[in-house]
Protein backbone atom coordinates (compact mmCIF):
# COMPACT_ATOMS: atom_id res chain seq x y z
CA MET A 1 65.86 54.16 70.55
CA LEU A 2 63.52 56.95 71.11
CA PRO A 3 59.74 56.71 70.32
CA ALA A 4 58.50 58.23 67.23
CA HIS A 5 55.84 60.30 69.01
CA PRO A 6 56.38 62.82 71.67
CA ALA A 7 56.25 61.57 75.28
CA VAL A 8 53.01 62.33 77.13
CA PRO A 9 53.22 62.15 81.04
CA GLY A 10 51.59 58.99 82.24
CA ARG A 11 51.27 57.42 78.73
CA ARG A 12 52.82 54.06 78.21
CA ILE A 13 55.25 54.04 75.25
CA VAL A 14 56.40 51.18 73.23
CA LEU A 15 60.07 51.03 72.12
CA ASP A 16 60.68 50.61 68.47
CA SER A 17 62.93 47.53 68.87
CA GLY A 18 61.15 44.27 68.44
CA GLY A 19 60.03 42.28 71.39
CA SER A 20 60.61 45.07 73.88
CA GLU A 21 58.29 45.59 76.71
CA ALA A 22 56.36 48.76 77.25
CA VAL A 23 57.66 51.03 79.96
CA GLN A 24 55.93 53.49 82.24
CA LEU A 25 57.21 56.99 82.52
CA SER A 26 58.15 57.94 85.91
CA PHE A 27 56.89 61.07 87.84
CA ASP A 28 60.59 61.59 88.79
CA ASP A 29 60.91 62.71 85.10
CA LEU A 30 59.02 65.84 85.83
CA GLY A 31 58.68 66.08 89.69
CA THR A 32 55.62 65.73 91.97
CA PRO A 33 52.21 66.88 90.38
CA LEU A 34 50.45 69.42 92.68
CA SER A 35 47.41 67.06 92.78
CA GLU A 36 49.50 64.53 94.49
CA VAL A 37 51.37 66.89 96.98
CA THR A 38 50.11 66.65 100.64
CA PHE A 39 49.93 70.22 101.91
CA VAL A 40 49.82 70.91 105.54
CA VAL A 41 48.56 74.39 106.19
CA VAL A 42 49.63 75.87 109.49
CA ASP A 43 48.78 78.76 111.55
CA LEU A 44 50.07 79.69 115.04
CA GLU A 45 48.96 82.15 117.70
CA THR A 46 51.83 83.40 119.91
CA THR A 47 52.45 85.72 122.79
CA GLY A 48 54.54 88.11 120.61
CA ALA A 49 56.15 88.70 117.29
CA ARG A 50 59.55 87.33 117.64
CA SER A 51 60.24 83.67 118.29
CA SER A 52 63.30 84.58 120.43
CA GLY A 53 61.42 86.05 123.21
CA SER A 54 57.77 84.73 122.71
CA ALA A 55 55.91 81.45 122.93
CA ILE A 56 53.27 79.64 121.08
CA THR A 57 49.70 79.73 122.58
CA GLU A 58 47.84 77.85 119.80
CA ILE A 59 48.52 75.48 116.93
CA GLY A 60 46.14 74.85 114.11
CA ALA A 61 46.82 72.78 111.04
CA VAL A 62 44.81 71.39 108.14
CA LYS A 63 46.14 68.55 105.96
CA VAL A 64 44.93 68.49 102.31
CA ARG A 65 45.67 66.71 98.96
CA GLY A 66 43.92 66.95 95.71
CA GLY A 67 41.75 69.59 96.94
CA GLN A 68 40.21 67.30 99.77
CA GLU A 69 40.84 67.66 103.47
CA LEU A 70 42.51 64.59 105.03
CA GLY A 71 42.43 65.81 108.60
CA HIS A 72 43.06 68.55 110.99
CA PHE A 73 44.96 69.35 114.30
CA GLN A 74 44.22 72.00 116.85
CA THR A 75 45.37 72.57 120.50
CA LEU A 76 45.81 75.51 122.94
CA VAL A 77 49.42 75.62 124.25
CA ARG A 78 50.32 76.72 127.76
CA PRO A 79 53.23 79.25 127.45
CA ASP A 80 55.66 79.80 130.21
CA GLU A 81 54.78 83.50 130.47
CA PRO A 82 51.58 85.55 130.75
CA ILE A 83 49.91 86.39 127.45
CA PRO A 84 50.12 90.23 127.09
CA PRO A 85 46.74 92.19 127.15
CA ASN A 86 47.06 93.49 123.49
CA ILE A 87 47.48 89.82 122.37
CA VAL A 88 44.46 88.80 124.36
CA SER A 89 42.50 91.65 122.74
CA LEU A 90 43.77 90.45 119.25
CA THR A 91 43.12 86.72 119.59
CA GLY A 92 40.75 86.38 122.20
CA ILE A 93 42.88 83.77 123.92
CA THR A 94 43.07 84.50 127.60
CA ASN A 95 45.42 83.24 130.39
CA ALA A 96 42.62 81.30 131.83
CA MET A 97 41.92 79.50 128.57
CA VAL A 98 45.65 78.15 128.46
CA ALA A 99 45.99 77.47 132.11
CA SER A 100 44.88 73.86 131.67
CA ALA A 101 46.19 73.38 128.08
CA PRO A 102 49.31 71.11 127.50
CA SER A 103 52.70 72.63 127.29
CA ILE A 104 54.71 72.79 124.09
CA GLU A 105 56.73 69.86 125.36
CA ALA A 106 53.61 67.78 125.62
CA CYS A 107 52.00 68.66 122.20
CA PHE A 108 54.88 69.32 119.77
CA ALA A 109 55.55 65.74 118.99
CA ALA A 110 51.97 65.05 118.30
CA PHE A 111 51.80 67.88 115.84
CA MET A 112 54.96 66.94 114.01
CA GLU A 113 53.53 63.40 113.62
CA PHE A 114 50.39 64.72 112.14
CA ALA A 115 52.27 67.24 109.97
CA GLY A 116 54.53 64.44 108.50
CA PHE A 117 57.19 66.89 107.33
CA ASP A 118 59.65 64.13 107.50
CA ARG A 119 57.66 62.18 105.00
CA GLY A 120 57.72 64.87 102.23
CA HIS A 121 54.66 66.85 103.14
CA VAL A 122 54.85 70.51 102.17
CA LEU A 123 54.37 73.17 104.92
CA VAL A 124 52.05 76.06 103.87
CA ALA A 125 51.49 79.34 105.82
CA HIS A 126 50.54 82.80 105.22
CA ASN A 127 53.62 84.87 106.00
CA ALA A 128 55.38 81.44 106.51
CA GLY A 129 58.60 82.99 107.94
CA PHE A 130 56.71 83.88 111.08
CA ASP A 131 55.32 80.46 111.70
CA VAL A 132 58.35 78.56 110.67
CA SER A 133 60.62 80.64 112.96
CA PHE A 134 58.41 79.56 115.98
CA LEU A 135 58.23 75.93 115.05
CA LYS A 136 61.93 75.77 114.49
CA ALA A 137 62.63 77.46 117.88
CA ALA A 138 60.38 75.02 119.56
CA ALA A 139 62.24 72.07 117.82
CA SER A 140 65.54 73.50 119.08
CA GLN A 141 64.23 73.96 122.60
CA LEU A 142 62.99 70.33 122.74
CA ASP A 143 66.07 68.91 121.04
CA TYR A 144 63.99 67.85 118.07
CA ARG A 145 65.50 67.58 114.70
CA TRP A 146 63.86 69.95 112.30
CA PRO A 147 63.08 68.07 109.03
CA ARG A 148 63.47 71.12 106.76
CA PRO A 149 60.30 70.66 104.75
CA MET A 150 59.53 72.51 101.48
CA VAL A 151 57.70 75.64 102.47
CA VAL A 152 55.04 77.51 100.46
CA ASP A 153 54.30 81.01 101.57
CA THR A 154 50.76 82.12 100.32
CA LEU A 155 51.75 85.75 101.04
CA TRP A 156 54.61 85.46 98.58
CA LEU A 157 52.47 83.57 96.09
CA ALA A 158 49.72 86.25 96.32
CA ARG A 159 52.19 88.95 95.72
CA ARG A 160 53.07 87.31 92.43
CA VAL A 161 49.49 86.78 91.02
CA VAL A 162 47.26 89.05 92.82
CA THR A 163 47.43 92.65 91.54
CA LYS A 164 46.80 95.82 93.52
CA THR A 165 43.76 96.59 91.45
CA GLU A 166 42.18 93.39 92.83
CA ALA A 167 43.21 93.75 96.38
CA ARG A 168 44.46 96.79 98.40
CA ASN A 169 46.88 94.53 100.28
CA HIS A 170 47.79 90.95 100.58
CA LYS A 171 46.65 90.20 104.21
CA LEU A 172 44.90 86.82 104.81
CA ALA A 173 41.51 88.54 105.64
CA THR A 174 41.74 90.46 102.34
CA LEU A 175 42.50 87.40 100.22
CA ALA A 176 39.94 85.30 101.99
CA ALA A 177 37.33 87.76 101.00
CA LEU A 178 38.53 88.19 97.55
CA PHE A 179 38.41 84.47 96.92
CA GLY A 180 35.38 83.85 98.78
CA ALA A 181 36.87 81.64 101.37
CA ARG A 182 34.44 79.32 103.33
CA THR A 183 36.04 80.28 106.57
CA SER A 184 36.86 83.83 107.67
CA PRO A 185 40.05 84.57 109.54
CA THR A 186 39.55 85.08 113.29
CA HIS A 187 43.08 85.23 114.60
CA ARG A 188 42.41 81.74 115.94
CA ALA A 189 44.84 79.14 114.69
CA LEU A 190 42.40 76.55 112.98
CA ASP A 191 40.05 79.17 111.59
CA ASP A 192 43.02 80.98 109.95
CA ALA A 193 44.48 77.67 108.76
CA ARG A 194 41.15 76.78 107.03
CA ALA A 195 41.00 80.13 105.47
CA THR A 196 44.60 79.79 104.20
CA VAL A 197 43.61 76.53 102.64
CA ASP A 198 40.96 78.13 100.45
CA VAL A 199 43.33 80.94 99.53
CA LEU A 200 45.94 78.40 98.54
CA HIS A 201 43.57 76.63 96.28
CA SER A 202 42.65 79.83 94.65
CA LEU A 203 46.17 80.81 94.10
CA LEU A 204 47.07 77.44 92.63
CA GLU A 205 44.27 77.73 90.04
CA ARG A 206 45.77 81.12 88.94
CA VAL A 207 49.34 79.73 88.61
CA GLY A 208 48.32 76.71 86.64
CA PRO A 209 48.09 78.43 83.28
CA LEU A 210 51.54 79.80 83.95
CA GLY A 211 53.00 76.28 83.79
CA ILE A 212 53.27 75.82 87.57
CA THR A 213 51.90 72.24 87.71
CA HIS A 214 54.51 70.41 90.10
CA ALA A 215 55.81 70.94 93.47
CA GLU A 216 59.21 72.00 92.11
CA ASP A 217 57.53 74.74 90.01
CA LEU A 218 55.73 76.07 93.07
CA ALA A 219 59.02 76.34 94.91
CA SER A 220 60.29 78.53 92.15
CA ILE A 221 57.45 81.00 92.02
CA THR A 222 57.10 81.48 95.77
CA ALA A 223 60.73 82.45 96.21
CA PRO A 224 62.64 85.30 94.44
CA VAL A 225 64.34 83.36 91.68
CA PRO A 226 65.44 85.69 88.86
CA GLN A 227 63.26 85.27 85.70
CA ARG A 228 66.51 84.78 83.51
CA ARG A 229 67.27 81.87 85.64
CA ARG A 230 63.88 80.26 85.60
CA ARG A 231 63.91 80.57 81.80
CA LYS A 232 66.75 78.14 81.68
CA THR A 233 64.75 75.26 82.88
CA HIS A 234 64.59 73.81 79.44
CA LEU A 235 68.34 73.07 79.80
CA ALA A 236 67.25 70.02 81.88
CA ASP A 237 64.46 68.76 79.48
CA ASP A 238 66.46 66.19 77.50
CA LEU A 239 68.59 64.92 80.44
CA PRO A 240 68.23 61.35 81.47
CA THR A 241 66.64 60.39 84.80
CA THR A 242 69.44 57.88 85.60
CA PRO A 243 72.36 58.18 87.90
CA GLY A 244 75.33 59.88 86.47
CA VAL A 245 77.43 62.98 86.05
CA TYR A 246 76.39 66.36 84.67
CA ARG A 247 78.36 69.29 83.48
CA PHE A 248 77.25 73.03 83.06
CA GLU A 249 79.03 74.60 80.11
CA GLY A 250 79.49 78.25 79.36
CA PRO A 251 79.12 80.10 76.05
CA GLY A 252 82.42 78.91 74.77
CA GLY A 253 82.00 75.34 75.69
CA GLU A 254 84.11 75.71 78.77
CA VAL A 255 83.10 73.55 81.77
CA LEU A 256 81.80 75.69 84.60
CA TYR A 257 80.77 73.01 86.91
CA VAL A 258 80.64 69.19 87.37
CA GLY A 259 78.33 67.27 89.69
CA THR A 260 76.72 63.97 90.37
CA ALA A 261 73.08 62.80 90.89
CA THR A 262 71.02 59.70 91.35
CA ASN A 263 68.44 61.32 88.99
CA ILE A 264 70.36 63.75 86.68
CA ARG A 265 67.25 65.57 85.19
CA ARG A 266 65.75 66.12 88.63
CA ARG A 267 68.88 67.52 90.15
CA VAL A 268 69.72 69.78 87.26
CA ARG A 269 66.26 71.13 87.36
CA SER A 270 66.63 72.06 90.96
CA TYR A 271 69.37 74.62 89.98
CA PHE A 272 66.63 76.74 88.46
CA THR A 273 64.41 76.92 91.55
CA SER A 274 64.47 78.41 94.98
CA ALA A 275 66.10 75.13 96.26
CA GLU A 276 69.37 76.54 94.98
CA THR A 277 70.48 79.25 97.41
CA ARG A 278 74.26 79.39 96.88
CA LYS A 279 75.31 82.77 95.43
CA ARG A 280 78.22 81.44 93.36
CA ILE A 281 76.32 78.57 92.00
CA GLY A 282 73.54 81.01 91.03
CA GLU A 283 76.16 83.02 89.22
CA MET A 284 77.30 79.86 87.38
CA VAL A 285 73.64 78.94 86.35
CA ASP A 286 73.23 82.52 84.98
CA LEU A 287 76.40 81.93 82.76
CA ALA A 288 75.61 78.40 81.60
CA THR A 289 74.31 77.87 78.17
CA ARG A 290 74.19 74.04 78.06
CA VAL A 291 74.18 70.93 80.31
CA ARG A 292 75.76 67.69 79.21
CA ALA A 293 75.05 64.44 81.07
CA GLU A 294 76.95 61.17 81.26
CA PRO A 295 74.77 58.39 82.52
CA CYS A 296 76.50 55.87 84.88
CA SER A 297 75.56 52.42 85.91
CA GLY A 298 75.74 53.35 89.67
CA VAL A 299 76.76 55.63 92.46
CA LEU A 300 80.48 54.55 92.42
CA GLU A 301 80.90 55.22 88.77
CA SER A 302 79.20 58.61 89.01
CA ARG A 303 81.57 59.73 91.80
CA VAL A 304 84.65 58.45 90.21
CA ARG A 305 83.70 60.15 86.93
CA GLU A 306 83.08 63.39 88.71
CA LEU A 307 86.54 63.28 90.31
CA ARG A 308 88.25 62.64 86.93
CA LEU A 309 86.25 65.35 85.12
CA ILE A 310 87.10 67.97 87.80
CA ALA A 311 90.71 66.96 87.54
CA ALA A 312 90.65 67.22 83.62
CA HIS A 313 88.73 70.52 83.40
CA ASP A 314 89.40 72.40 86.69
CA PRO A 315 85.97 73.96 86.68
CA PRO A 316 85.89 77.38 88.30
CA TYR A 317 82.68 76.85 90.29
CA ASN A 318 83.64 73.57 92.02
CA VAL A 319 84.94 74.01 95.39
CA ARG A 320 88.57 73.22 96.12
CA SER A 321 87.81 70.51 98.52
CA LYS A 322 86.28 68.38 95.79
CA ARG A 323 89.29 68.63 93.52
CA PRO A 324 91.72 65.77 93.44
CA ALA A 325 94.81 66.78 95.37
CA ALA A 326 98.50 65.63 94.91
CA ALA A 327 99.42 62.88 97.28
CA ARG A 328 101.65 63.92 100.23
CA PHE A 329 103.36 61.28 102.33
CA VAL A 330 105.67 61.40 105.34
CA VAL A 331 108.79 59.17 105.10
CA LEU A 332 112.39 58.98 106.45
CA THR A 333 115.22 60.05 104.24
CA SER A 334 117.79 57.66 103.32
CA GLU A 335 120.96 58.93 104.85
CA ALA A 336 123.34 58.56 107.77
CA TYR A 337 121.07 60.41 110.10
CA PRO A 338 117.54 60.26 108.66
CA ARG A 339 114.99 62.96 109.12
CA ALA A 340 111.23 63.07 108.36
CA LEU A 341 110.42 64.27 104.71
CA ILE A 342 107.21 65.17 103.11
CA THR A 343 107.09 63.87 99.61
CA ALA A 344 104.74 63.08 96.75
CA LYS A 345 106.72 60.07 95.52
CA VAL A 346 106.90 56.91 97.66
CA PRO A 347 108.20 53.60 96.08
CA VAL A 348 105.52 50.84 96.03
CA ASP A 349 107.60 48.54 98.36
CA ALA A 350 107.81 51.22 101.10
CA THR A 351 106.29 50.19 104.39
CA GLU A 352 107.32 52.75 106.84
CA VAL A 353 105.05 55.56 105.56
CA TRP A 354 102.29 57.96 106.74
CA GLY A 355 99.77 59.35 104.36
CA PRO A 356 98.38 60.29 101.88
CA PHE A 357 97.50 63.59 103.58
CA PRO A 358 94.94 66.00 102.16
CA SER A 359 97.20 68.95 102.60
CA THR A 360 100.77 69.83 103.21
CA ALA A 361 99.73 71.54 106.44
CA MET A 362 98.37 68.44 107.95
CA ALA A 363 101.56 66.57 106.97
CA ARG A 364 103.59 69.18 108.63
CA LYS A 365 101.63 68.68 111.87
CA ALA A 366 102.33 64.90 111.65
CA VAL A 367 105.83 65.53 111.18
CA GLU A 368 105.99 67.70 114.24
CA ALA A 369 104.34 65.09 116.24
CA LEU A 370 106.97 62.53 115.20
CA GLN A 371 109.87 64.84 115.92
CA ARG A 372 108.62 65.79 119.43
CA ALA A 373 107.95 62.12 120.29
CA THR A 374 111.23 60.66 118.88
CA SER A 375 113.72 63.64 119.12
CA LEU A 376 114.29 63.40 115.31
CA ARG A 377 116.19 66.30 113.85
CA SER A 378 114.16 69.14 112.16
CA CYS A 379 116.99 70.64 110.19
CA THR A 380 117.17 69.82 106.41
CA PRO A 381 120.97 69.63 105.55
CA ARG A 382 122.16 66.14 104.66
CA LEU A 383 124.65 65.27 107.60
CA PRO A 384 127.85 63.42 107.06
CA THR A 385 128.64 60.27 109.07
CA ALA A 386 131.39 62.20 111.01
CA PRO A 387 130.73 65.75 112.17
CA ALA A 388 132.49 68.47 110.07
CA ALA A 389 135.34 70.39 111.83
CA ASN A 390 133.39 73.69 111.41
CA ALA A 391 129.86 72.24 112.37
CA HIS A 392 127.86 73.93 114.92
CA ALA A 393 124.56 72.94 116.68
CA CYS A 394 121.28 74.71 116.23
CA LEU A 395 118.70 75.78 118.93
CA ALA A 396 117.22 72.21 119.10
CA LYS A 397 120.32 70.90 120.94
CA GLU A 398 120.01 73.73 123.55
CA LEU A 399 116.30 72.91 123.98
CA GLY A 400 117.11 69.26 124.37
CA THR A 401 114.90 68.13 121.49
CA CYS A 402 117.73 66.75 119.33
CA ALA A 403 120.79 64.62 120.21
CA ALA A 404 122.68 66.75 117.56
CA PRO A 405 124.78 64.11 115.82
CA CYS A 406 125.90 66.98 113.60
CA VAL A 407 128.44 68.09 116.21
CA ASP A 408 128.60 65.31 118.75
CA PRO A 409 130.01 61.93 117.51
CA ALA A 410 128.93 60.36 120.74
CA ALA A 411 125.38 61.22 120.11
CA ALA A 412 125.22 59.16 117.02
CA ALA A 413 124.04 56.02 118.79
CA SER A 414 121.35 57.89 120.68
CA TYR A 415 120.11 59.50 117.49
CA LEU A 416 119.85 56.15 115.69
CA GLU A 417 117.74 54.94 118.58
CA SER A 418 115.36 57.85 117.85
CA VAL A 419 115.31 56.80 114.18
CA GLU A 420 114.28 53.14 115.08
CA LEU A 421 111.52 54.61 117.28
CA ALA A 422 110.50 56.79 114.34
CA ARG A 423 110.47 53.72 112.01
CA THR A 424 108.19 51.96 114.45
CA CYS A 425 105.68 54.83 114.36
CA LEU A 426 105.82 55.14 110.68
CA ALA A 427 105.14 51.44 110.37
CA GLY A 428 101.76 52.06 112.08
CA ASP A 429 102.53 51.26 115.75
CA LEU A 430 101.53 54.56 117.39
CA ARG A 431 101.53 53.36 120.92
CA GLY A 432 104.86 55.28 121.83
CA LEU A 433 103.64 58.28 120.02
CA ARG A 434 100.28 58.25 121.80
CA ALA A 435 101.82 57.98 125.22
CA ALA A 436 104.21 60.92 124.59
CA SER A 437 101.50 63.07 123.18
CA LEU A 438 99.11 62.34 125.97
CA ALA A 439 101.70 63.03 128.60
CA ARG A 440 102.42 66.40 127.11
CA ILE A 441 98.67 67.28 126.72
CA GLU A 442 97.99 66.39 130.42
CA ALA A 443 100.91 68.52 131.52
CA LEU A 444 99.86 71.54 129.47
CA VAL A 445 96.19 71.08 130.70
CA ALA A 446 97.46 70.96 134.33
CA ALA A 447 99.29 74.26 133.69
CA GLU A 448 96.09 75.68 132.07
CA ARG A 449 98.03 76.11 128.82
CA PHE A 450 94.98 75.06 126.72
CA GLU A 451 95.98 76.62 123.39
CA GLU A 452 99.28 74.71 123.30
CA ALA A 453 97.32 71.61 124.48
CA ALA A 454 95.16 71.94 121.39
CA VAL A 455 98.19 72.22 119.18
CA GLU A 456 99.64 68.90 120.60
CA ARG A 457 96.22 67.32 120.14
CA ASP A 458 96.05 68.34 116.47
CA ARG A 459 99.62 67.03 115.89
CA TYR A 460 98.77 63.72 117.22
CA ALA A 461 95.46 63.60 115.26
CA ALA A 462 97.44 64.41 111.99
CA ALA A 463 100.00 61.59 112.68
CA ARG A 464 97.05 59.16 113.50
CA TYR A 465 95.24 60.16 110.39
CA GLY A 466 98.30 59.47 108.12
CA ALA A 467 99.00 56.13 109.79
CA ARG A 468 95.54 54.96 109.36
CA ARG A 469 95.18 56.24 105.83
CA PHE A 470 98.32 54.32 104.78
CA ASP A 471 97.15 51.03 106.41
CA SER A 472 93.66 51.27 104.82
CA LEU A 473 94.49 52.43 101.32
CA ARG A 474 97.86 50.63 100.76
CA PRO A 475 96.18 47.17 99.98
CA PHE A 476 94.01 48.90 97.22
CA LEU A 477 96.94 50.88 95.78
CA LEU A 478 99.02 47.61 95.36
CA CYS A 479 96.34 45.20 94.43
CA PRO A 480 96.53 44.09 90.68
CA GLU A 481 92.76 43.34 90.54
CA LEU A 482 90.07 43.39 93.18
CA VAL A 483 86.43 42.45 92.51
CA ALA A 484 83.70 43.57 94.82
CA ALA A 485 79.99 44.22 94.94
CA ARG A 486 77.47 45.85 97.21
CA PRO A 487 73.67 45.97 97.41
CA ALA A 488 72.03 48.76 95.38
CA GLY A 489 68.54 48.51 96.41
CA GLY A 490 65.64 46.51 94.71
CA GLY A 491 67.67 43.24 94.69
CA ARG A 492 70.33 44.74 92.42
CA TRP A 493 74.14 44.62 93.05
CA GLU A 494 76.61 47.19 91.96
CA LEU A 495 79.79 45.33 90.94
CA MET A 496 83.18 46.87 90.45
CA ILE A 497 86.66 45.94 89.35
CA ALA A 498 89.56 47.95 90.68
CA ARG A 499 93.20 47.73 89.61
CA TYR A 500 96.01 49.49 91.54
CA GLY A 501 93.67 51.72 93.35
CA ARG A 502 91.91 52.79 90.07
CA LEU A 503 88.28 51.96 89.09
CA ALA A 504 88.67 49.78 85.86
CA GLY A 505 85.14 48.80 85.39
CA THR A 506 81.74 48.63 86.90
CA VAL A 507 78.36 47.14 86.07
CA MET A 508 74.77 46.96 87.77
CA LEU A 509 73.61 43.40 88.22
CA PRO A 510 69.78 43.02 87.85
CA ARG A 511 67.99 41.13 90.59
CA GLY A 512 68.58 37.42 90.43
CA ALA A 513 71.16 37.68 87.63
CA ALA A 514 74.09 35.25 87.41
CA VAL A 515 77.24 37.00 88.37
CA ALA A 516 79.70 35.20 86.03
CA PRO A 517 78.50 36.47 82.75
CA TYR A 518 78.39 40.04 83.89
CA LEU A 519 81.78 39.81 85.50
CA SER A 520 83.23 38.25 82.42
CA ALA A 521 81.97 41.04 80.18
CA THR A 522 82.94 43.82 82.55
CA ARG A 523 86.47 42.40 82.84
CA ALA A 524 86.85 42.21 79.11
CA MET A 525 85.87 45.84 78.84
CA ALA A 526 87.75 47.18 81.89
CA ASP A 527 90.71 49.49 81.63
CA ASP A 528 94.11 48.02 81.49
CA VAL A 529 96.14 49.55 84.39
CA ALA A 530 99.96 49.15 84.47
CA PRO A 531 101.76 48.19 87.67
CA PRO A 532 102.78 51.43 89.43
CA THR A 533 106.29 52.53 90.43
CA TYR A 534 105.06 54.82 93.11
CA LEU A 535 102.17 54.78 95.43
CA ALA A 536 99.06 56.56 94.04
CA GLU A 537 100.53 56.78 90.57
CA ARG A 538 97.58 55.26 88.71
CA ALA A 539 94.81 57.09 90.36
CA SER A 540 94.02 60.02 92.51
CA ILE A 541 93.83 59.29 96.39
CA GLU A 542 90.20 60.47 96.34
CA GLU A 543 89.30 57.78 93.81
CA THR A 544 91.15 54.99 95.79
CA ALA A 545 89.43 56.17 98.95
CA LEU A 546 86.02 55.77 97.18
CA LEU A 547 86.97 52.11 96.36
CA ALA A 548 87.96 51.52 100.02
CA ASP A 549 84.68 53.00 101.21
CA PHE A 550 82.77 50.79 98.64
CA CYS A 551 84.32 47.75 100.12
CA ALA A 552 83.60 48.89 103.75
CA SER A 553 79.97 49.82 102.99
CA ASP A 554 77.04 47.79 104.57
CA GLY A 555 76.53 44.52 102.81
CA ALA A 556 79.58 44.69 100.59
CA ARG A 557 81.16 41.47 99.47
CA LEU A 558 84.58 40.65 98.16
CA GLY A 559 84.51 38.57 94.98
CA GLU A 560 88.10 38.05 94.05
CA PHE A 561 91.17 39.29 95.79
CA PRO A 562 94.82 37.83 94.96
CA LEU A 563 96.32 36.16 97.92
CA THR A 564 99.73 37.47 96.74
CA ALA A 565 98.46 41.06 97.23
CA VAL A 566 98.94 43.03 100.36
CA PRO A 567 96.28 41.61 102.71
CA LEU A 568 93.26 43.70 103.56
CA ALA A 569 93.53 42.66 107.16
CA TYR A 570 95.79 44.88 109.25
CA PRO A 571 98.37 43.98 111.99
CA LEU A 572 97.50 44.18 115.58
CA THR A 573 99.77 47.13 116.08
CA SER A 574 98.18 48.89 113.11
CA ALA A 575 96.87 52.52 113.61
CA LEU A 576 93.56 51.12 112.35
CA ARG A 577 93.04 49.20 115.71
CA PRO A 578 91.00 50.90 118.50
CA ASP A 579 92.94 53.93 119.51
CA VAL A 580 92.43 57.23 121.39
CA ALA A 581 91.18 60.04 119.25
CA LEU A 582 92.21 63.10 121.25
CA SER A 583 89.84 65.10 119.05
CA SER A 584 87.77 67.09 121.51
CA LEU A 585 88.97 70.26 123.11
CA PRO A 586 86.62 72.62 124.95
CA GLY A 587 88.05 74.83 127.77
CA ASP A 588 89.89 71.95 129.59
CA VAL A 589 90.58 69.83 126.61
CA ASP A 590 87.57 67.80 127.71
CA GLY A 591 89.71 65.99 130.17
CA ALA A 592 92.52 64.68 127.91
CA ALA A 593 93.38 62.01 130.48
CA ARG A 594 89.81 60.49 130.09
CA ALA A 595 90.46 60.06 126.45
CA LEU A 596 92.58 56.90 127.27
CA ASP A 597 89.25 55.20 128.11
CA GLU A 598 87.45 56.34 124.90
CA GLU A 599 87.98 53.82 122.13
CA GLU A 600 86.55 53.87 118.64
CA TRP A 601 86.62 51.87 115.43
CA GLU A 602 86.95 53.88 112.15
CA LEU A 603 87.74 51.35 109.63
CA SER A 604 88.18 52.41 105.99
CA ALA A 605 88.64 48.88 104.61
CA PRO A 606 87.16 45.36 105.30
CA SER A 607 88.31 43.54 108.47
CA ALA A 608 90.28 40.39 108.46
CA LYS A 609 87.25 38.14 108.73
CA GLU A 610 85.76 39.66 105.52
CA GLN A 611 88.69 38.38 103.41
CA PRO A 612 88.14 35.35 101.08
């Protein structure tokens, strides 16, 4: 029940229900107050204007929070090239001064540790694009992962709040004089950083009355976010701060976009700031008139609801890759001389199957790999047991890729041997297919026919994907009921009930809670799911894959699993066993022969020892 008085940030509110405990509002509700943000104000001196052809000669940085300096960092840097005379004249940094200074390799790690950008600290600079470009170039040169901090550009900020009548330009020296900075810019890194600190604080005082009180607001005003978009921030005001699904709706109530978040309000609020740079999503936000939220108990329920809402509403601004796709399987036809078939309907008792595949194109590649390894026919007519009198062979017979039982009665036995080999492959044993594919790849590489080798590699990869996918998802698709749980942080557990590959119910167990009462209540409210006739009939493949990933996640535990169901363990000949990937292909296919020695595990379901 909502409180009778309006919420005030930081105030403890008492729920109206009797006996309830007071709760503390979270800063996540609003964002991070500027007084609690750690700003790292940075200035660099360099040998030139472009990071691509110049080097850093000095780094200066000041760390501040709540108006107080927490520390500073300064060092000269020895560049790999002489400092041009015009730069020496500008900065006063000579070649003699940097001769004994550390190289960028020696001091960059220390600067990044001081800055703490990977710990949420905000990077501030005047004309930040210049400094950030040099820092990113140094990170790339040293193979250092750039943490992508939030960046505040005091030049951009000044252009928004300092008028031309106050200052003739927005250079650092001009602004430092306008605001009475304690340190004057001297084109030395630490002095300029200290001057930028004073300019930053003065600018923050100016934007406070404009409602810029949190870091997220600052990100909005320092970037060119259209006013019409910023005015829509109120759409997030009444949204919950829990995990769940959100929907942007247009003027007619049509669903424009569906997404998930661990904190719905914070995520939706980010769409109205400079953090959102996607052009299509910006267009969607401009059209939206309302945001609806559906709180969920945990991440799994959020992601499943997202899939179902996208399937139900087909939002125009969701990318196609997030939309549930029709299942595509590869099976053998039931006839005298079977062939490989791509189909959406596979009986639940079928065992010689590849898939589901995410696209028909990938399924076709898998079929081509099977045909080339087993000499299965590629023609589509249904062949009689005995060849017709007017039958004639196709090009495949001339090329030697098919025994052609359509015209040669003596070839029937040979073709049926090919069918048995294909059945073995479709049952998950890819050893024969792997050997045949690798032999072709090695031969093509030896002949320097690298593009054809890449095609062969992709065909095998598609076949392997389909076989592994079937082995990993089939137990979930056929299981009447599975109960599993995984850690959710803070001593909590996310418990789920799945039926025939569909999420039937889920609940978040509090720390130390007894499982039985929660499981009993969740089971009573869980969806009834009828036994399927075909694979993937009761849920999208994407949903079933989420359940498989849930069970394979770190710390996951199986609670209940019927012993009569298809076991979660896989056979020794399964495609889920260690296998060659054949996935890399630079100029020489990365040495396809060496791939025999490269083994990997890519399990999508729990291993045998994890079963009850």
